[in-house]
């Protein structure tokens, strides 16, 4: 069993999930069950799947959960783009969020690559 809390990508994605919650607080209340809910779920899914995958016994299984985390990061990036186009998020916050998500995505790709079976 791996200690998922030692992975930089897990720590970064937990920090990002907290930021996503803070940023979506400013969204219109009519988005509570729409974009806000979707973004929060996707943000939480990234570190949660890393943690769940770390409990698996094989590298192949862990790799699959890292792929799910990567998919959630792409989903969240799409949702941030939509929020930006709807002007729910400031341009500066949007740019910082996209940069952070891109960095998390690169880390997830690196972790996934390191887990590939020969």
N, C-alpha and C. Protein backbone atom coordinates (compact mmCIF):
# COMPACT_ATOMS: atom_id res chain seq x y z
N UNK A 1 0.84 -1.17 0.00
CA UNK A 1 0.00 0.00 0.00
C UNK A 1 0.89 1.25 0.00
N UNK A 2 0.50 2.21 -0.81
CA UNK A 2 1.28 3.44 -0.96
C UNK A 2 0.71 4.54 -0.04
N UNK A 3 1.57 5.44 0.40
CA UNK A 3 1.11 6.60 1.17
C UNK A 3 0.81 7.73 0.19
N UNK A 4 -0.45 7.85 -0.21
CA UNK A 4 -0.84 8.83 -1.22
C UNK A 4 -0.56 10.26 -0.80
N UNK A 5 -0.48 10.52 0.51
CA UNK A 5 -0.24 11.89 0.97
C UNK A 5 1.18 12.37 0.64
N UNK A 6 2.04 11.44 0.24
CA UNK A 6 3.42 11.80 -0.10
C UNK A 6 3.57 12.23 -1.57
N UNK A 7 2.53 12.03 -2.35
CA UNK A 7 2.59 12.42 -3.77
C UNK A 7 2.33 13.92 -3.91
N UNK A 8 3.25 14.60 -4.58
CA UNK A 8 3.10 16.05 -4.80
C UNK A 8 1.79 16.34 -5.54
N UNK A 9 1.46 15.52 -6.52
CA UNK A 9 0.25 15.75 -7.30
C UNK A 9 -1.00 15.62 -6.44
N UNK A 10 -0.99 14.74 -5.46
CA UNK A 10 -2.14 14.61 -4.56
C UNK A 10 -2.27 15.90 -3.74
N UNK A 11 -1.16 16.36 -3.17
CA UNK A 11 -1.17 17.59 -2.37
C UNK A 11 -1.60 18.80 -3.20
N UNK A 12 -1.06 18.91 -4.40
CA UNK A 12 -1.43 20.03 -5.27
C UNK A 12 -2.90 19.98 -5.65
N UNK A 13 -3.41 18.78 -5.90
CA UNK A 13 -4.81 18.68 -6.30
C UNK A 13 -5.77 18.89 -5.12
N UNK A 14 -5.36 18.55 -3.91
CA UNK A 14 -6.16 18.89 -2.73
C UNK A 14 -6.23 20.41 -2.59
N UNK A 15 -5.07 21.07 -2.72
CA UNK A 15 -5.04 22.54 -2.65
C UNK A 15 -5.93 23.15 -3.72
N UNK A 16 -5.88 22.56 -4.91
CA UNK A 16 -6.69 23.09 -6.01
C UNK A 16 -8.18 22.88 -5.75
N UNK A 17 -8.56 21.76 -5.18
CA UNK A 17 -9.96 21.51 -4.85
C UNK A 17 -10.49 22.57 -3.88
N UNK A 18 -9.66 22.92 -2.90
CA UNK A 18 -10.05 23.97 -1.94
C UNK A 18 -10.24 25.29 -2.69
N UNK A 19 -9.32 25.60 -3.59
CA UNK A 19 -9.44 26.83 -4.38
C UNK A 19 -10.69 26.82 -5.25
N UNK A 20 -11.00 25.68 -5.84
CA UNK A 20 -12.19 25.57 -6.68
C UNK A 20 -13.45 25.85 -5.87
N UNK A 21 -13.49 25.34 -4.64
CA UNK A 21 -14.63 25.63 -3.76
C UNK A 21 -14.72 27.14 -3.49
N UNK A 22 -13.59 27.75 -3.22
CA UNK A 22 -13.59 29.18 -2.92
C UNK A 22 -14.02 30.01 -4.13
N UNK A 23 -13.54 29.63 -5.30
CA UNK A 23 -13.87 30.38 -6.52
C UNK A 23 -15.33 30.22 -6.90
N UNK A 24 -15.89 29.05 -6.69
CA UNK A 24 -17.29 28.82 -7.08
C UNK A 24 -18.27 29.45 -6.10
N UNK A 25 -17.81 29.86 -4.93
CA UNK A 25 -18.68 30.57 -3.98
C UNK A 25 -19.21 31.87 -4.58
N UNK A 26 -18.44 32.43 -5.50
CA UNK A 26 -18.79 33.72 -6.11
C UNK A 26 -19.72 33.57 -7.30
N UNK A 27 -20.00 32.36 -7.71
CA UNK A 27 -20.87 32.12 -8.87
C UNK A 27 -22.32 32.46 -8.51
N UNK A 28 -23.15 32.72 -9.53
CA UNK A 28 -24.57 32.99 -9.26
C UNK A 28 -25.23 31.81 -8.54
N UNK A 29 -26.14 32.12 -7.63
CA UNK A 29 -26.79 31.07 -6.84
C UNK A 29 -27.58 30.10 -7.70
N UNK A 30 -28.07 30.52 -8.85
CA UNK A 30 -28.81 29.59 -9.71
C UNK A 30 -27.92 28.49 -10.29
N UNK A 31 -26.62 28.63 -10.13
CA UNK A 31 -25.68 27.59 -10.59
C UNK A 31 -25.37 26.56 -9.50
N UNK A 32 -26.01 26.69 -8.35
CA UNK A 32 -25.74 25.79 -7.22
C UNK A 32 -25.82 24.31 -7.61
N UNK A 33 -26.83 23.95 -8.38
CA UNK A 33 -27.01 22.55 -8.78
C UNK A 33 -26.52 22.29 -10.20
N UNK A 34 -25.90 23.28 -10.79
CA UNK A 34 -25.37 23.15 -12.14
C UNK A 34 -23.86 23.16 -12.13
N UNK A 35 -23.32 24.24 -12.63
CA UNK A 35 -21.87 24.35 -12.80
C UNK A 35 -21.11 24.26 -11.48
N UNK A 36 -21.61 24.86 -10.44
CA UNK A 36 -20.91 24.81 -9.14
C UNK A 36 -20.75 23.37 -8.68
N UNK A 37 -21.84 22.63 -8.71
CA UNK A 37 -21.83 21.23 -8.27
C UNK A 37 -20.89 20.39 -9.14
N UNK A 38 -20.96 20.58 -10.44
CA UNK A 38 -20.11 19.82 -11.36
C UNK A 38 -18.63 20.11 -11.13
N UNK A 39 -18.31 21.38 -10.97
CA UNK A 39 -16.91 21.78 -10.79
C UNK A 39 -16.36 21.25 -9.47
N UNK A 40 -17.16 21.33 -8.43
CA UNK A 40 -16.71 20.85 -7.13
C UNK A 40 -16.50 19.33 -7.15
N UNK A 41 -17.41 18.62 -7.79
CA UNK A 41 -17.26 17.16 -7.87
C UNK A 41 -16.01 16.78 -8.66
N UNK A 42 -15.78 17.45 -9.77
CA UNK A 42 -14.60 17.15 -10.59
C UNK A 42 -13.32 17.48 -9.82
N UNK A 43 -13.32 18.60 -9.10
CA UNK A 43 -12.14 19.01 -8.33
C UNK A 43 -11.82 17.99 -7.24
N UNK A 44 -12.83 17.52 -6.56
CA UNK A 44 -12.64 16.54 -5.49
C UNK A 44 -12.22 15.18 -6.05
N UNK A 45 -12.69 14.89 -7.24
CA UNK A 45 -12.40 13.60 -7.88
C UNK A 45 -10.90 13.41 -8.17
N UNK A 46 -10.20 14.48 -8.44
CA UNK A 46 -8.78 14.36 -8.79
C UNK A 46 -7.97 13.74 -7.64
N UNK A 47 -7.92 14.37 -6.46
CA UNK A 47 -7.14 13.75 -5.38
C UNK A 47 -7.78 12.48 -4.84
N UNK A 48 -9.11 12.39 -4.89
CA UNK A 48 -9.79 11.21 -4.36
C UNK A 48 -9.42 9.95 -5.13
N UNK A 49 -9.33 10.07 -6.45
CA UNK A 49 -8.96 8.90 -7.25
C UNK A 49 -7.50 8.52 -7.10
N UNK A 50 -6.64 9.50 -6.87
CA UNK A 50 -5.24 9.19 -6.57
C UNK A 50 -5.19 8.38 -5.27
N UNK A 51 -5.92 8.84 -4.27
CA UNK A 51 -5.94 8.15 -2.98
C UNK A 51 -6.49 6.74 -3.11
N UNK A 52 -7.60 6.60 -3.81
CA UNK A 52 -8.18 5.27 -3.97
C UNK A 52 -7.25 4.35 -4.75
N UNK A 53 -6.65 4.87 -5.80
CA UNK A 53 -5.73 4.05 -6.59
C UNK A 53 -4.51 3.61 -5.81
N UNK A 54 -4.06 4.47 -4.90
CA UNK A 54 -2.88 4.13 -4.09
C UNK A 54 -3.14 2.93 -3.20
N UNK A 55 -4.39 2.65 -2.92
CA UNK A 55 -4.72 1.50 -2.07
C UNK A 55 -4.72 0.18 -2.84
N UNK A 56 -4.67 0.25 -4.13
CA UNK A 56 -4.73 -0.95 -4.96
C UNK A 56 -3.40 -1.69 -4.94
N UNK A 57 -3.48 -2.97 -5.17
CA UNK A 57 -2.28 -3.81 -5.03
C UNK A 57 -1.38 -3.81 -6.25
N UNK A 58 -1.92 -3.46 -7.41
CA UNK A 58 -1.07 -3.52 -8.61
C UNK A 58 -0.84 -2.14 -9.20
N UNK A 59 0.26 -2.02 -9.90
CA UNK A 59 0.59 -0.79 -10.60
C UNK A 59 -0.46 -0.50 -11.67
N UNK A 60 -0.93 -1.56 -12.32
CA UNK A 60 -1.93 -1.41 -13.38
C UNK A 60 -3.22 -0.79 -12.83
N UNK A 61 -3.67 -1.26 -11.68
CA UNK A 61 -4.88 -0.71 -11.07
C UNK A 61 -4.66 0.74 -10.65
N UNK A 62 -3.52 1.01 -10.03
CA UNK A 62 -3.21 2.38 -9.62
C UNK A 62 -3.19 3.29 -10.83
N UNK A 63 -2.58 2.84 -11.91
CA UNK A 63 -2.50 3.61 -13.14
C UNK A 63 -3.89 3.96 -13.66
N UNK A 64 -4.81 3.03 -13.56
CA UNK A 64 -6.19 3.28 -14.03
C UNK A 64 -6.84 4.41 -13.22
N UNK A 65 -6.63 4.44 -11.92
CA UNK A 65 -7.19 5.51 -11.10
C UNK A 65 -6.52 6.85 -11.38
N UNK A 66 -5.24 6.82 -11.70
CA UNK A 66 -4.55 8.06 -12.09
C UNK A 66 -5.14 8.58 -13.41
N UNK A 67 -5.46 7.68 -14.32
CA UNK A 67 -6.12 8.08 -15.58
C UNK A 67 -7.48 8.72 -15.31
N UNK A 68 -8.22 8.18 -14.37
CA UNK A 68 -9.51 8.77 -14.01
C UNK A 68 -9.30 10.17 -13.45
N UNK A 69 -8.27 10.35 -12.63
CA UNK A 69 -7.94 11.68 -12.10
C UNK A 69 -7.61 12.64 -13.24
N UNK A 70 -6.87 12.17 -14.20
CA UNK A 70 -6.53 13.00 -15.36
C UNK A 70 -7.79 13.40 -16.12
N UNK A 71 -8.69 12.46 -16.29
CA UNK A 71 -9.96 12.77 -16.95
C UNK A 71 -10.74 13.83 -16.19
N UNK A 72 -10.73 13.74 -14.87
CA UNK A 72 -11.42 14.74 -14.05
C UNK A 72 -10.76 16.10 -14.19
N UNK A 73 -9.45 16.14 -14.34
CA UNK A 73 -8.77 17.43 -14.51
C UNK A 73 -9.14 18.05 -15.85
N UNK A 74 -9.31 17.23 -16.89
CA UNK A 74 -9.74 17.74 -18.20
C UNK A 74 -11.18 18.25 -18.13
N UNK A 75 -12.01 17.49 -17.42
CA UNK A 75 -13.41 17.89 -17.23
C UNK A 75 -13.46 19.24 -16.51
N UNK A 76 -12.67 19.38 -15.45
CA UNK A 76 -12.66 20.62 -14.68
C UNK A 76 -12.13 21.79 -15.51
N UNK A 77 -11.14 21.53 -16.33
CA UNK A 77 -10.61 22.59 -17.20
C UNK A 77 -11.72 23.08 -18.14
N UNK A 78 -12.48 22.16 -18.70
CA UNK A 78 -13.59 22.52 -19.57
C UNK A 78 -14.61 23.37 -18.82
N UNK A 79 -14.91 23.00 -17.59
CA UNK A 79 -15.88 23.73 -16.79
C UNK A 79 -15.37 25.13 -16.44
N UNK A 80 -14.06 25.26 -16.20
CA UNK A 80 -13.50 26.59 -15.96
C UNK A 80 -13.60 27.45 -17.22
N UNK A 81 -13.40 26.86 -18.38
CA UNK A 81 -13.53 27.60 -19.64
C UNK A 81 -14.96 28.09 -19.81
N UNK A 82 -15.92 27.22 -19.52
CA UNK A 82 -17.33 27.61 -19.61
C UNK A 82 -17.63 28.73 -18.60
N UNK A 83 -17.16 28.58 -17.37
CA UNK A 83 -17.38 29.62 -16.35
C UNK A 83 -16.77 30.95 -16.78
N UNK A 84 -15.62 30.89 -17.41
CA UNK A 84 -14.97 32.10 -17.90
C UNK A 84 -15.80 32.76 -19.00
N UNK A 85 -16.29 31.96 -19.93
CA UNK A 85 -17.10 32.51 -21.02
C UNK A 85 -18.42 33.09 -20.53
N UNK A 86 -18.94 32.54 -19.44
CA UNK A 86 -20.16 33.07 -18.83
C UNK A 86 -19.87 34.24 -17.90
N UNK A 87 -18.59 34.58 -17.79
CA UNK A 87 -18.12 35.69 -16.95
C UNK A 87 -18.45 35.49 -15.47
N UNK A 88 -18.36 34.22 -15.03
CA UNK A 88 -18.55 33.90 -13.62
C UNK A 88 -17.24 33.98 -12.85
N UNK A 89 -16.14 34.10 -13.58
CA UNK A 89 -14.81 34.08 -12.96
C UNK A 89 -13.96 35.17 -13.59
N UNK A 90 -13.19 35.83 -12.75
CA UNK A 90 -12.31 36.90 -13.23
C UNK A 90 -11.21 36.32 -14.12
N UNK A 91 -10.79 37.09 -15.10
CA UNK A 91 -9.78 36.63 -16.06
C UNK A 91 -8.50 36.16 -15.36
N UNK A 92 -8.05 36.93 -14.37
CA UNK A 92 -6.83 36.58 -13.62
C UNK A 92 -6.99 35.24 -12.90
N UNK A 93 -8.12 35.07 -12.22
CA UNK A 93 -8.40 33.80 -11.53
C UNK A 93 -8.48 32.65 -12.52
N UNK A 94 -9.12 32.91 -13.65
CA UNK A 94 -9.24 31.89 -14.69
C UNK A 94 -7.85 31.45 -15.17
N UNK A 95 -6.99 32.41 -15.49
CA UNK A 95 -5.64 32.09 -15.98
C UNK A 95 -4.84 31.30 -14.96
N UNK A 96 -4.93 31.69 -13.69
CA UNK A 96 -4.23 30.96 -12.63
C UNK A 96 -4.77 29.54 -12.48
N UNK A 97 -6.08 29.40 -12.58
CA UNK A 97 -6.70 28.08 -12.46
C UNK A 97 -6.27 27.17 -13.60
N UNK A 98 -6.27 27.69 -14.80
CA UNK A 98 -5.89 26.89 -15.97
C UNK A 98 -4.42 26.47 -15.86
N UNK A 99 -3.57 27.39 -15.43
CA UNK A 99 -2.14 27.05 -15.25
C UNK A 99 -1.97 25.96 -14.21
N UNK A 100 -2.70 26.08 -13.10
CA UNK A 100 -2.60 25.08 -12.03
C UNK A 100 -3.11 23.73 -12.53
N UNK A 101 -4.22 23.72 -13.26
CA UNK A 101 -4.75 22.47 -13.80
C UNK A 101 -3.80 21.84 -14.81
N UNK A 102 -3.17 22.66 -15.62
CA UNK A 102 -2.19 22.14 -16.59
C UNK A 102 -1.01 21.50 -15.86
N UNK A 103 -0.56 22.13 -14.78
CA UNK A 103 0.55 21.57 -13.99
C UNK A 103 0.14 20.25 -13.34
N UNK A 104 -1.07 20.19 -12.82
CA UNK A 104 -1.57 18.95 -12.23
C UNK A 104 -1.67 17.86 -13.30
N UNK A 105 -2.16 18.23 -14.47
CA UNK A 105 -2.25 17.27 -15.57
C UNK A 105 -0.89 16.70 -15.96
N UNK A 106 0.12 17.54 -16.00
CA UNK A 106 1.48 17.08 -16.32
C UNK A 106 1.99 16.12 -15.25
N UNK A 107 1.72 16.45 -14.00
CA UNK A 107 2.14 15.56 -12.91
C UNK A 107 1.42 14.21 -12.99
N UNK A 108 0.13 14.25 -13.30
CA UNK A 108 -0.62 13.01 -13.44
C UNK A 108 -0.09 12.16 -14.60
N UNK A 109 0.23 12.82 -15.71
CA UNK A 109 0.82 12.10 -16.84
C UNK A 109 2.15 11.46 -16.45
N UNK A 110 2.95 12.20 -15.70
CA UNK A 110 4.24 11.67 -15.26
C UNK A 110 4.06 10.48 -14.33
N UNK A 111 3.12 10.60 -13.40
CA UNK A 111 2.86 9.49 -12.48
C UNK A 111 2.35 8.29 -13.25
N UNK A 112 1.43 8.52 -14.16
CA UNK A 112 0.89 7.41 -14.97
C UNK A 112 2.00 6.73 -15.77
N UNK A 113 2.88 7.51 -16.35
CA UNK A 113 3.99 6.95 -17.13
C UNK A 113 4.92 6.11 -16.25
N UNK A 114 5.14 6.57 -15.03
CA UNK A 114 6.04 5.84 -14.13
C UNK A 114 5.42 4.52 -13.68
N UNK A 115 4.11 4.38 -13.82
CA UNK A 115 3.43 3.16 -13.38
C UNK A 115 3.23 2.16 -14.52
N UNK A 116 3.53 2.52 -15.73
CA UNK A 116 3.33 1.65 -16.88
C UNK A 116 4.08 0.34 -16.69
N UNK A 117 3.41 -0.72 -17.03
CA UNK A 117 4.04 -2.05 -16.95
C UNK A 117 4.91 -2.27 -18.19
N UNK A 118 6.01 -2.94 -17.99
CA UNK A 118 6.92 -3.19 -19.13
C UNK A 118 6.42 -4.28 -20.02
